Amino acid sequence: MSRSKRKSKTQDSPSGVLESSPRGKSGVDDATMLSSYTSDWIAGFNEFWFTPRRPTLLGLIRIFTGLIAFWTLLVWTFELSTFFGSDGLLPPGYRSQLGAAAAWSHLDWFTGSALLWVHLAGLVVVAMFTVGVWTRATSVLTALLIISYGNRSIGAGFGLDQINAFMCLYCAVGNSGGRFSVDQWLANRKSSSSGTLLVRRDTSTNIAVRLMQIHLCVVYFFAAVGKLQGDTWWTGEAVWLALASYEYQTIDMTWLASYMPIVSLMTLTSMFWELLYPALVWPRLTRPVMLAIAIPVHLGIGFCMGMPSFGLIMLVANLSFVEWSESDESVESHEASF
């Protein structure tokens, strides 16, 4: 047999050169699969964070957040010197005793009538942010103001202050004045077109909304982890103890004592809802359920326990998960009516 014939048979033989090709092909397939997975992950990451978004939703969130922030600062007005005066209930040195000496606040620099005027100027800034005047600047100033007041009121603060702070901060990240604002109205009037200005998609707006969503998930998760460590949440008594407390009670709910199984169900539902929220709020199938549960939970906290501002700001934060689809034509039509 000639050498060429033997070579041909060897190549065609199952034990020949081609016998090792499936193993080589498997290695190539694994590398291709890994490369494809990595590319898909990077593409998904970029789509999640950097897909341009219209500012419609963020504009609504700005208005609601601004109203609650304005109210939060307004209530300090009537007892400003009582709390923030040099000899008030919360002297500057009090933060050092609580281990928060590094917490900065512009209110430390003023006393007497100057403190009042600075406070009123801050209210004007927050009001401008709410209605959307010089929003790029006033959103940053509002975030700094809310953080500053939170730092100054350490010892008398509550969850409301923290939620206000991150909501205002993320409004400053995105184009929160791009819709439902005086800035947009003025831009429309100056437009040389037919009097309308198409609302454009913006990457920073999407980043702001995503930050709100993720921060809210973190808040709920750690709130649930804290509840899991309390015995009354497992026994189903926690909600009853909160409703029966005269310190927080604004609506008499003691009649629920006759329906303790329902109270236990409410307790366990709220605990596991918070625990599962970070996972189930993202899929489109379960998102409506999670958002629907948020409404009675936070309205109940707000109006049964004397914390309406806190309940409302949590609902505003949940608004970041609401899908807002809008065609270019409908945006232009809304602009004309605005």
Protein backbone atom coordinates (compact mmCIF):
# COMPACT_ATOMS: atom_id res chain seq x y z
CA MET A 1 0.00 0.00 0.00
CA SER A 2 1.37 3.37 -0.90
CA ARG A 3 2.11 6.04 1.66
CA SER A 4 -0.67 8.29 0.33
CA LYS A 5 -3.23 5.53 0.69
CA ARG A 6 -2.12 4.73 4.22
CA LYS A 7 -2.39 8.47 5.12
CA SER A 8 -5.88 8.66 3.66
CA LYS A 9 -7.04 5.66 5.64
CA THR A 10 -5.50 7.00 8.80
CA GLN A 11 -7.39 10.28 8.46
CA ASP A 12 -10.64 8.46 7.77
CA SER A 13 -10.15 5.98 10.59
CA PRO A 14 -11.96 6.56 13.94
CA SER A 15 -8.61 6.06 15.66
CA GLY A 16 -6.81 8.43 13.32
CA VAL A 17 -6.02 12.09 13.49
CA LEU A 18 -9.66 13.21 13.56
CA GLU A 19 -10.31 11.24 16.73
CA SER A 20 -9.08 14.12 18.88
CA SER A 21 -11.16 16.78 17.13
CA PRO A 22 -14.27 16.44 19.38
CA ARG A 23 -12.16 17.25 22.43
CA GLY A 24 -10.65 20.26 20.71
CA LYS A 25 -14.05 21.37 19.56
CA SER A 26 -15.39 21.13 23.12
CA GLY A 27 -12.67 23.47 24.35
CA VAL A 28 -13.50 25.96 21.62
CA ASP A 29 -17.23 25.73 22.46
CA ASP A 30 -16.53 26.39 26.14
CA ALA A 31 -14.49 29.47 25.32
CA THR A 32 -17.16 30.68 22.92
CA MET A 33 -19.87 30.13 25.51
CA LEU A 34 -17.89 32.02 28.16
CA SER A 35 -17.23 34.87 25.76
CA SER A 36 -20.90 35.01 24.79
CA TYR A 37 -21.99 34.97 28.43
CA THR A 38 -19.55 37.76 29.30
CA SER A 39 -20.70 39.84 26.34
CA ASP A 40 -24.35 39.33 27.28
CA TRP A 41 -23.65 40.31 30.89
CA ILE A 42 -21.81 43.46 29.86
CA ALA A 43 -24.58 44.34 27.42
CA GLY A 44 -27.21 43.79 30.13
CA PHE A 45 -25.24 45.91 32.59
CA ASN A 46 -24.93 48.75 30.09
CA GLU A 47 -28.60 48.51 29.19
CA PHE A 48 -29.65 48.57 32.84
CA TRP A 49 -27.59 51.62 33.78
CA PHE A 50 -26.99 53.60 30.61
CA THR A 51 -30.15 53.30 28.49
CA PRO A 52 -31.37 56.88 28.00
CA ARG A 53 -34.67 57.61 29.74
CA ARG A 54 -37.10 60.49 29.42
CA PRO A 55 -37.40 62.66 32.55
CA THR A 56 -41.17 62.26 32.91
CA LEU A 57 -41.07 59.88 35.87
CA LEU A 58 -38.19 61.70 37.56
CA GLY A 59 -40.05 65.00 37.13
CA LEU A 60 -43.03 63.62 39.04
CA ILE A 61 -40.77 62.21 41.73
CA ARG A 62 -39.09 65.63 42.04
CA ILE A 63 -42.42 67.34 42.70
CA PHE A 64 -43.58 64.86 45.35
CA THR A 65 -40.16 64.66 47.00
CA GLY A 66 -39.86 68.43 47.01
CA LEU A 67 -43.26 68.88 48.65
CA ILE A 68 -42.41 66.44 51.44
CA ALA A 69 -38.93 67.94 51.89
CA PHE A 70 -40.42 71.43 52.07
CA TRP A 71 -42.90 70.32 54.72
CA THR A 72 -40.15 68.58 56.68
CA LEU A 73 -38.13 71.81 56.88
CA LEU A 74 -41.17 74.01 57.39
CA VAL A 75 -42.13 72.32 60.67
CA TRP A 76 -38.74 73.25 62.14
CA THR A 77 -39.60 76.94 61.67
CA PHE A 78 -41.88 77.14 64.68
CA GLU A 79 -39.30 75.69 67.11
CA LEU A 80 -36.09 76.54 65.32
CA SER A 81 -34.23 78.17 68.23
CA THR A 82 -35.72 75.66 70.68
CA PHE A 83 -33.88 72.84 68.94
CA PHE A 84 -31.00 74.48 67.05
CA GLY A 85 -30.16 77.46 69.25
CA SER A 86 -26.83 77.65 71.07
CA ASP A 87 -28.60 76.65 74.29
CA GLY A 88 -31.32 74.57 72.59
CA LEU A 89 -32.34 70.96 73.02
CA LEU A 90 -29.84 69.84 70.38
CA PRO A 91 -26.63 71.84 71.00
CA PRO A 92 -23.81 71.32 68.47
CA GLY A 93 -21.77 69.37 71.02
CA TYR A 94 -24.51 66.78 71.28
CA ARG A 95 -23.38 65.18 68.02
CA SER A 96 -19.94 64.54 69.48
CA GLN A 97 -21.45 62.66 72.37
CA LEU A 98 -23.30 60.43 69.90
CA GLY A 99 -20.14 59.74 67.90
CA ALA A 100 -21.16 61.90 64.94
CA ALA A 101 -18.76 64.80 65.37
CA ALA A 102 -17.81 64.68 61.67
CA ALA A 103 -21.41 65.27 60.56
CA TRP A 104 -21.40 68.68 58.88
CA SER A 105 -24.22 71.22 59.09
CA HIS A 106 -24.36 74.81 57.91
CA LEU A 107 -26.73 75.56 60.83
CA ASP A 108 -23.74 75.40 63.18
CA TRP A 109 -22.56 78.74 61.81
CA PHE A 110 -25.62 80.79 62.71
CA THR A 111 -27.52 81.80 65.84
CA GLY A 112 -30.38 84.12 66.73
CA SER A 113 -32.12 85.99 63.94
CA ALA A 114 -29.44 84.96 61.43
CA LEU A 115 -30.43 81.33 61.98
CA LEU A 116 -34.04 82.15 61.11
CA TRP A 117 -33.13 84.04 57.93
CA VAL A 118 -30.85 81.24 56.75
CA HIS A 119 -33.62 78.77 57.43
CA LEU A 120 -36.12 80.82 55.42
CA ALA A 121 -33.65 81.08 52.55
CA GLY A 122 -33.38 77.31 52.59
CA LEU A 123 -37.15 77.01 52.33
CA VAL A 124 -37.08 79.24 49.26
CA VAL A 125 -34.45 76.98 47.65
CA VAL A 126 -36.50 73.84 48.32
CA ALA A 127 -39.62 75.55 46.94
CA MET A 128 -37.72 76.47 43.76
CA PHE A 129 -36.55 72.88 43.42
CA THR A 130 -40.11 71.62 43.82
CA VAL A 131 -41.55 73.75 41.04
CA GLY A 132 -38.45 73.32 38.88
CA VAL A 133 -36.70 76.69 38.87
CA TRP A 134 -32.97 76.47 38.02
CA THR A 135 -33.41 72.82 38.80
CA ARG A 136 -29.85 71.72 38.10
CA ALA A 137 -28.60 74.07 40.83
CA THR A 138 -31.51 73.97 43.27
CA SER A 139 -31.61 70.15 43.23
CA VAL A 140 -28.02 70.02 44.45
CA LEU A 141 -28.64 72.73 47.05
CA THR A 142 -31.81 70.96 48.25
CA ALA A 143 -29.94 67.69 48.69
CA LEU A 144 -27.23 69.48 50.69
CA LEU A 145 -29.85 71.25 52.81
CA ILE A 146 -31.70 68.05 53.66
CA ILE A 147 -28.45 66.30 54.58
CA SER A 148 -27.37 69.32 56.62
CA TYR A 149 -30.62 69.43 58.61
CA GLY A 150 -30.39 65.69 59.15
CA ASN A 151 -26.88 66.03 60.52
CA ARG A 152 -27.90 68.92 62.76
CA SER A 153 -30.92 67.09 64.16
CA ILE A 154 -29.06 63.92 65.17
CA GLY A 155 -30.86 62.65 68.23
CA ALA A 156 -34.24 63.80 66.95
CA GLY A 157 -34.10 62.40 63.43
CA PHE A 158 -36.10 59.57 61.96
CA GLY A 159 -36.19 57.41 58.84
CA LEU A 160 -37.96 60.22 57.01
CA ASP A 161 -34.79 62.31 57.07
CA GLN A 162 -32.71 59.53 55.50
CA ILE A 163 -35.25 58.78 52.78
CA ASN A 164 -35.65 62.48 51.98
CA ALA A 165 -31.88 62.78 51.70
CA PHE A 166 -31.28 60.03 49.18
CA MET A 167 -34.36 60.92 47.13
CA CYS A 168 -33.23 64.55 46.83
CA LEU A 169 -29.67 63.45 46.10
CA TYR A 170 -30.71 61.21 43.22
CA CYS A 171 -32.99 63.92 41.84
CA ALA A 172 -29.83 66.01 41.62
CA VAL A 173 -28.06 63.24 39.69
CA GLY A 174 -30.61 63.13 36.89
CA ASN A 175 -32.45 65.69 34.80
CA SER A 176 -35.31 66.03 37.27
CA GLY A 177 -36.21 69.44 35.88
CA GLY A 178 -36.65 68.11 32.36
CA ARG A 179 -40.39 67.66 32.80
CA PHE A 180 -43.19 69.35 34.78
CA SER A 181 -40.98 72.29 35.68
CA VAL A 182 -40.75 76.04 35.20
CA ASP A 183 -37.40 75.46 33.49
CA GLN A 184 -39.04 73.33 30.84
CA TRP A 185 -41.91 75.78 30.38
CA LEU A 186 -39.47 78.65 29.82
CA ALA A 187 -37.47 76.53 27.38
CA ASN A 188 -40.66 75.82 25.43
CA ARG A 189 -41.47 79.52 25.18
CA LYS A 190 -37.99 80.29 23.87
CA SER A 191 -38.11 77.52 21.31
CA SER A 192 -38.05 78.76 17.75
CA SER A 193 -40.24 75.85 16.67
CA SER A 194 -44.02 75.56 16.97
CA GLY A 195 -43.91 76.27 20.69
CA THR A 196 -43.20 72.70 21.74
CA LEU A 197 -39.98 71.08 22.86
CA LEU A 198 -39.55 67.35 22.49
CA VAL A 199 -38.55 65.78 25.78
CA ARG A 200 -35.32 63.97 25.08
CA ARG A 201 -34.03 60.80 26.62
CA ASP A 202 -31.14 61.24 29.01
CA THR A 203 -28.64 58.75 30.47
CA SER A 204 -28.25 60.60 33.77
CA THR A 205 -31.99 60.38 34.33
CA ASN A 206 -31.89 56.60 34.01
CA ILE A 207 -28.94 56.41 36.41
CA ALA A 208 -30.88 58.48 38.96
CA VAL A 209 -33.93 56.21 38.77
CA ARG A 210 -31.79 53.07 39.03
CA LEU A 211 -30.04 54.46 42.12
CA MET A 212 -33.43 55.11 43.74
CA GLN A 213 -34.57 51.59 42.95
CA ILE A 214 -31.46 49.89 44.31
CA HIS A 215 -31.31 52.07 47.42
CA LEU A 216 -34.94 51.30 48.17
CA CYS A 217 -34.26 47.57 47.87
CA VAL A 218 -31.37 47.90 50.32
CA VAL A 219 -33.61 49.78 52.78
CA TYR A 220 -36.30 47.11 52.67
CA PHE A 221 -33.84 44.24 52.91
CA PHE A 222 -32.11 45.49 56.03
CA ALA A 223 -35.43 46.51 57.57
CA ALA A 224 -36.55 42.90 57.09
CA VAL A 225 -33.30 41.54 58.52
CA GLY A 226 -33.85 43.68 61.62
CA LYS A 227 -37.39 42.37 61.97
CA LEU A 228 -36.23 38.77 61.65
CA GLN A 229 -34.19 39.26 64.82
CA GLY A 230 -37.24 40.33 66.86
CA ASP A 231 -39.38 37.72 68.58
CA THR A 232 -42.61 39.71 68.24
CA TRP A 233 -42.37 39.59 64.45
CA TRP A 234 -42.23 35.81 64.49
CA THR A 235 -45.08 35.52 66.99
CA GLY A 236 -47.21 37.94 64.95
CA GLU A 237 -47.56 40.55 67.71
CA ALA A 238 -45.35 43.34 66.35
CA VAL A 239 -48.05 45.18 64.39
CA TRP A 240 -50.41 44.99 67.36
CA LEU A 241 -47.80 46.45 69.73
CA ALA A 242 -47.23 49.34 67.31
CA LEU A 243 -50.94 50.06 66.82
CA ALA A 244 -51.69 49.84 70.53
CA SER A 245 -48.89 52.26 71.50
CA TYR A 246 -50.32 55.61 72.61
CA GLU A 247 -46.99 57.26 71.75
CA TYR A 248 -47.61 56.81 68.01
CA GLN A 249 -51.35 56.23 67.85
CA THR A 250 -53.37 58.72 65.78
CA ILE A 251 -56.27 56.42 64.91
CA ASP A 252 -57.67 54.08 67.52
CA MET A 253 -57.03 50.60 66.15
CA THR A 254 -57.35 48.72 69.44
CA TRP A 255 -60.52 47.07 68.10
CA LEU A 256 -58.14 44.76 66.23
CA ALA A 257 -57.55 43.00 69.56
CA SER A 258 -60.64 40.97 68.76
CA TYR A 259 -59.08 39.79 65.49
CA MET A 260 -55.56 38.74 66.46
CA PRO A 261 -55.25 36.11 63.69
CA ILE A 262 -55.67 38.93 61.17
CA VAL A 263 -53.07 41.01 63.03
CA SER A 264 -50.67 38.08 62.97
CA LEU A 265 -51.20 37.69 59.24
CA MET A 266 -50.54 41.41 58.71
CA THR A 267 -47.35 41.15 60.76
CA LEU A 268 -45.92 38.17 58.92
CA THR A 269 -47.00 39.52 55.54
CA SER A 270 -45.26 42.85 56.04
CA MET A 271 -42.08 41.17 57.28
CA PHE A 272 -41.78 38.72 54.39
CA TRP A 273 -42.88 41.37 51.91
CA GLU A 274 -39.90 43.50 52.91
CA LEU A 275 -37.58 40.50 52.79
CA LEU A 276 -38.70 39.43 49.32
CA TYR A 277 -39.09 42.93 47.87
CA PRO A 278 -35.49 43.19 46.53
CA ALA A 279 -36.00 39.99 44.52
CA LEU A 280 -39.63 40.16 43.42
CA VAL A 281 -39.95 43.85 42.53
CA TRP A 282 -37.76 43.46 39.42
CA PRO A 283 -39.68 40.80 37.42
CA ARG A 284 -42.62 42.26 35.52
CA LEU A 285 -44.86 39.42 36.66
CA THR A 286 -44.46 40.04 40.40
CA ARG A 287 -43.74 43.78 40.42
CA PRO A 288 -47.41 44.89 40.47
CA VAL A 289 -48.04 42.68 43.50
CA MET A 290 -45.09 44.10 45.44
CA LEU A 291 -46.05 47.69 44.61
CA ALA A 292 -49.70 47.05 45.46
CA ILE A 293 -48.76 45.75 48.92
CA ALA A 294 -46.63 48.86 49.50
CA ILE A 295 -49.72 51.08 49.39
CA PRO A 296 -51.61 49.73 52.45
CA VAL A 297 -48.36 49.10 54.34
CA HIS A 298 -47.13 52.69 54.10
CA LEU A 299 -50.53 54.35 54.29
CA GLY A 300 -51.18 52.31 57.42
CA ILE A 301 -47.89 53.44 58.96
CA GLY A 302 -48.55 57.01 57.92
CA PHE A 303 -52.09 57.51 59.13
CA CYS A 304 -52.41 54.98 61.96
CA MET A 305 -49.07 55.72 63.61
CA GLY A 306 -48.82 59.48 63.11
CA MET A 307 -46.12 59.40 60.41
CA PRO A 308 -47.85 60.54 57.21
CA SER A 309 -44.72 62.19 55.80
CA PHE A 310 -42.72 59.00 56.18
CA GLY A 311 -45.47 56.88 54.65
CA LEU A 312 -45.81 59.22 51.68
CA ILE A 313 -42.08 59.50 50.94
CA MET A 314 -41.83 55.70 50.91
CA LEU A 315 -44.64 55.56 48.36
CA VAL A 316 -42.83 58.19 46.28
CA ALA A 317 -39.70 56.01 46.39
CA ASN A 318 -41.76 53.04 45.19
CA LEU A 319 -42.92 55.21 42.31
CA SER A 320 -39.44 54.74 40.81
CA PHE A 321 -40.46 51.19 39.84
CA VAL A 322 -43.54 52.30 37.90
CA GLU A 323 -43.12 51.82 34.16
CA TRP A 324 -43.83 54.99 32.21
CA SER A 325 -44.07 54.39 28.48
CA GLU A 326 -44.51 57.42 26.29
CA SER A 327 -44.28 57.91 22.55
CA ASP A 328 -42.67 60.95 21.01
CA GLU A 329 -46.06 62.11 19.73
CA SER A 330 -47.70 61.93 23.15
CA VAL A 331 -44.78 63.77 24.74
CA GLU A 332 -45.09 66.57 22.20
CA SER A 333 -48.84 66.73 22.74
CA HIS A 334 -48.40 66.97 26.50
CA GLU A 335 -45.81 69.66 26.04
CA ALA A 336 -48.24 71.75 24.05
CA SER A 337 -50.87 71.48 26.77
CA PHE A 338 -48.37 72.26 29.52
